[in-house]
């Protein structure tokens, strides 16, 4: 039996050596796989950085294009608005001043539209200050004046309005 034990011991030793060899071999393979995974991860990270950089460049270009287009649109709007305000002549100014006089006459905005700043300020001050002191009587008076002026503006012909209020500079009624 002792020989049998010796054979068993040798067999166990051989099995142990085989296991150590296989474990060492598996460890080397695991290290190789780990190094491969590290390399793949590094390549993936570099690709991701490159794609992120490309995306950032595309985004900057798109933002720049959008800003240029917005500036162009704003300039076109500004030019069109200037043209529209410059084209406001007798008819359009008459209509605008008349409607504003009827709707917001107590504030004197129609006077500012016609270029009568002093009269517009007078109506505004009477409405706010005197209207506040007199519990709205001043504001009501200016509202009635604005209503009358609005009706007068709208009932005049274009030529008559132009001659009276823009050429002749008639400030009241």
Protein backbone atom coordinates (compact mmCIF):
# COMPACT_ATOMS: atom_id res chain seq x y z
CA UNK A 1 0.00 0.00 0.00
CA UNK A 2 2.68 2.34 0.56
CA UNK A 3 3.57 1.99 -3.09
CA UNK A 4 0.00 2.68 -3.94
CA UNK A 5 0.15 5.80 -1.79
CA UNK A 6 3.35 6.79 -3.52
CA UNK A 7 1.67 6.40 -6.94
CA UNK A 8 -1.27 8.37 -5.70
CA UNK A 9 1.06 11.06 -4.36
CA UNK A 10 2.89 11.16 -7.69
CA UNK A 11 -0.40 11.37 -9.53
CA UNK A 12 -1.54 14.17 -7.23
CA UNK A 13 1.75 15.97 -7.75
CA UNK A 14 1.42 15.57 -11.54
CA UNK A 15 -2.17 16.82 -11.39
CA UNK A 16 -1.01 19.76 -9.29
CA UNK A 17 1.74 20.60 -11.76
CA UNK A 18 -0.77 20.32 -14.66
CA UNK A 19 -3.20 22.58 -12.81
CA UNK A 20 -0.42 25.12 -12.12
CA UNK A 21 0.58 25.05 -15.77
CA UNK A 22 -2.98 25.42 -16.94
CA UNK A 23 -3.60 28.24 -14.42
CA UNK A 24 -0.44 30.02 -15.56
CA UNK A 25 -1.49 29.57 -19.18
CA UNK A 26 -5.00 30.88 -18.39
CA UNK A 27 -3.49 33.85 -16.52
CA UNK A 28 -1.36 34.74 -19.54
CA UNK A 29 -4.41 34.47 -21.81
CA UNK A 30 -6.40 36.64 -19.38
CA UNK A 31 -3.61 39.24 -19.39
CA UNK A 32 -3.58 39.21 -23.20
CA UNK A 33 -7.36 39.64 -23.28
CA UNK A 34 -7.08 42.42 -20.71
CA UNK A 35 -4.44 44.21 -22.80
CA UNK A 36 -6.62 43.76 -25.92
CA UNK A 37 -9.61 45.20 -24.03
CA UNK A 38 -7.47 48.12 -22.82
CA UNK A 39 -6.34 48.83 -26.38
CA UNK A 40 -9.92 48.58 -27.71
CA UNK A 41 -11.11 50.95 -24.98
CA UNK A 42 -8.34 53.41 -25.81
CA UNK A 43 -9.28 53.30 -29.51
CA UNK A 44 -12.96 53.75 -28.66
CA UNK A 45 -12.16 56.76 -26.46
CA UNK A 46 -10.06 58.33 -29.23
CA UNK A 47 -12.88 57.76 -31.75
CA UNK A 48 -15.38 59.28 -29.32
CA UNK A 49 -13.16 62.34 -28.80
CA UNK A 50 -12.78 62.76 -32.56
CA UNK A 51 -16.52 62.45 -33.15
CA UNK A 52 -17.25 64.87 -30.31
CA UNK A 53 -14.81 67.36 -31.80
CA UNK A 54 -16.43 67.00 -35.23
CA UNK A 55 -19.87 67.47 -33.67
CA UNK A 56 -18.68 70.58 -31.84
CA UNK A 57 -17.31 72.04 -35.08
CA UNK A 58 -20.57 71.27 -36.88
CA UNK A 59 -22.54 72.86 -34.05
CA UNK A 60 -20.35 75.99 -34.14
CA UNK A 61 -20.82 76.24 -37.90
CA UNK A 62 -24.58 75.78 -37.59
CA UNK A 63 -24.77 78.41 -34.84
CA UNK A 64 -22.73 80.82 -36.95
CA UNK A 65 -24.98 80.22 -39.96
CA UNK A 66 -28.05 80.76 -37.77
CA UNK A 67 -26.61 83.99 -36.35
CA UNK A 68 -25.82 85.26 -39.85
CA UNK A 69 -29.33 84.42 -41.04
CA UNK A 70 -30.83 86.12 -37.97
CA UNK A 71 -28.77 89.27 -38.63
CA UNK A 72 -29.86 89.26 -42.26
CA UNK A 73 -33.52 88.88 -41.28
CA UNK A 74 -33.23 91.62 -38.65
CA UNK A 75 -31.64 93.98 -41.19
CA UNK A 76 -34.38 93.24 -43.73
CA UNK A 77 -37.04 93.86 -41.08
CA UNK A 78 -35.36 97.11 -40.06
CA UNK A 79 -35.14 98.31 -43.66
CA UNK A 80 -38.77 97.40 -44.34
CA UNK A 81 -39.90 99.14 -41.16
CA UNK A 82 -37.97 102.29 -42.12
CA UNK A 83 -39.57 102.22 -45.56
CA UNK A 84 -43.02 101.79 -44.05
CA UNK A 85 -42.55 104.70 -41.64
CA UNK A 86 -41.13 106.89 -44.39
CA UNK A 87 -44.10 106.09 -46.62
CA UNK A 88 -46.60 107.24 -44.02
CA UNK A 89 -48.00 110.28 -45.73
CA UNK A 90 -51.27 112.21 -45.60
CA UNK A 91 -53.74 109.29 -45.80
CA UNK A 92 -51.93 106.90 -43.51
CA UNK A 93 -51.03 109.57 -40.97
CA UNK A 94 -54.60 110.88 -41.08
CA UNK A 95 -56.04 107.44 -40.45
CA UNK A 96 -53.52 106.57 -37.74
CA UNK A 97 -53.87 109.92 -35.94
CA UNK A 98 -57.68 109.80 -36.18
CA UNK A 99 -58.00 106.30 -34.74
CA UNK A 100 -55.46 106.93 -31.99
CA UNK A 101 -57.21 110.22 -31.12
CA UNK A 102 -60.54 108.42 -30.72
CA UNK A 103 -59.15 105.45 -28.76
CA UNK A 104 -56.38 107.07 -26.67
CA UNK A 105 -57.18 110.76 -27.15
CA UNK A 106 -56.75 111.74 -23.53
CA UNK A 107 -53.06 110.76 -23.62
CA UNK A 108 -52.29 113.02 -26.61
CA UNK A 109 -50.54 110.31 -28.61
CA UNK A 110 -52.18 111.56 -31.81
CA UNK A 111 -50.45 114.91 -31.27
CA UNK A 112 -47.06 113.18 -31.14
CA UNK A 113 -47.89 111.32 -34.37
CA UNK A 114 -48.58 114.62 -36.11
CA UNK A 115 -45.36 116.11 -34.74
CA UNK A 116 -46.88 118.39 -32.09
CA UNK A 117 -44.78 117.48 -29.07
CA UNK A 118 -45.72 120.49 -26.93
CA UNK A 119 -49.46 119.87 -27.36
CA UNK A 120 -49.00 116.13 -26.74
CA UNK A 121 -47.17 116.83 -23.50
CA UNK A 122 -49.90 119.27 -22.43
CA UNK A 123 -52.61 116.65 -22.98
CA UNK A 124 -50.58 113.98 -21.18
CA UNK A 125 -49.86 116.21 -18.17
CA UNK A 126 -53.49 117.37 -17.91
CA UNK A 127 -54.68 113.77 -18.08
CA UNK A 128 -52.26 112.42 -15.48
CA UNK A 129 -51.70 115.27 -13.01
CA UNK A 130 -54.88 117.30 -13.17
CA UNK A 131 -56.95 114.19 -13.84
CA UNK A 132 -55.50 112.64 -10.68
CA UNK A 133 -56.17 115.71 -8.58
CA UNK A 134 -59.71 116.24 -9.90
CA UNK A 135 -60.69 112.57 -9.74
CA UNK A 136 -60.65 112.13 -13.51
CA UNK A 137 -62.31 115.37 -14.66
CA UNK A 138 -59.12 116.53 -16.42
CA UNK A 139 -58.69 113.13 -18.04
CA UNK A 140 -62.32 113.13 -19.17
CA UNK A 141 -61.92 116.61 -20.67
CA UNK A 142 -58.81 115.51 -22.58
CA UNK A 143 -60.65 112.35 -23.69
CA UNK A 144 -63.49 114.47 -25.13
CA UNK A 145 -60.97 116.73 -26.92
CA UNK A 146 -59.24 113.65 -28.34
CA UNK A 147 -62.55 112.19 -29.52
CA UNK A 148 -63.53 115.45 -31.25
CA UNK A 149 -60.12 115.79 -32.88
CA UNK A 150 -60.22 112.16 -34.05
CA UNK A 151 -63.61 112.67 -35.69
CA UNK A 152 -62.39 115.88 -37.33
CA UNK A 153 -59.25 114.16 -38.65
CA UNK A 154 -61.22 111.29 -40.14
CA UNK A 155 -63.90 113.47 -41.75
CA UNK A 156 -61.44 115.72 -43.60
CA UNK A 157 -60.27 114.81 -47.09
CA UNK A 158 -56.66 113.72 -47.48
CA UNK A 159 -55.66 116.98 -49.14
CA UNK A 160 -57.50 119.09 -46.59
CA UNK A 161 -55.95 117.13 -43.69
CA UNK A 162 -52.48 117.44 -45.20
CA UNK A 163 -52.84 121.19 -45.80
CA UNK A 164 -54.37 121.88 -42.38
CA UNK A 165 -52.34 119.71 -40.02
CA UNK A 166 -49.07 118.98 -41.79
CA UNK A 167 -48.45 122.07 -43.88
CA UNK A 168 -50.44 124.63 -41.88
CA UNK A 169 -49.47 123.10 -38.50
CA UNK A 170 -52.88 123.72 -36.92
CA UNK A 171 -52.41 122.28 -33.43
CA UNK A 172 -55.92 122.30 -31.90
CA UNK A 173 -59.24 121.32 -33.49
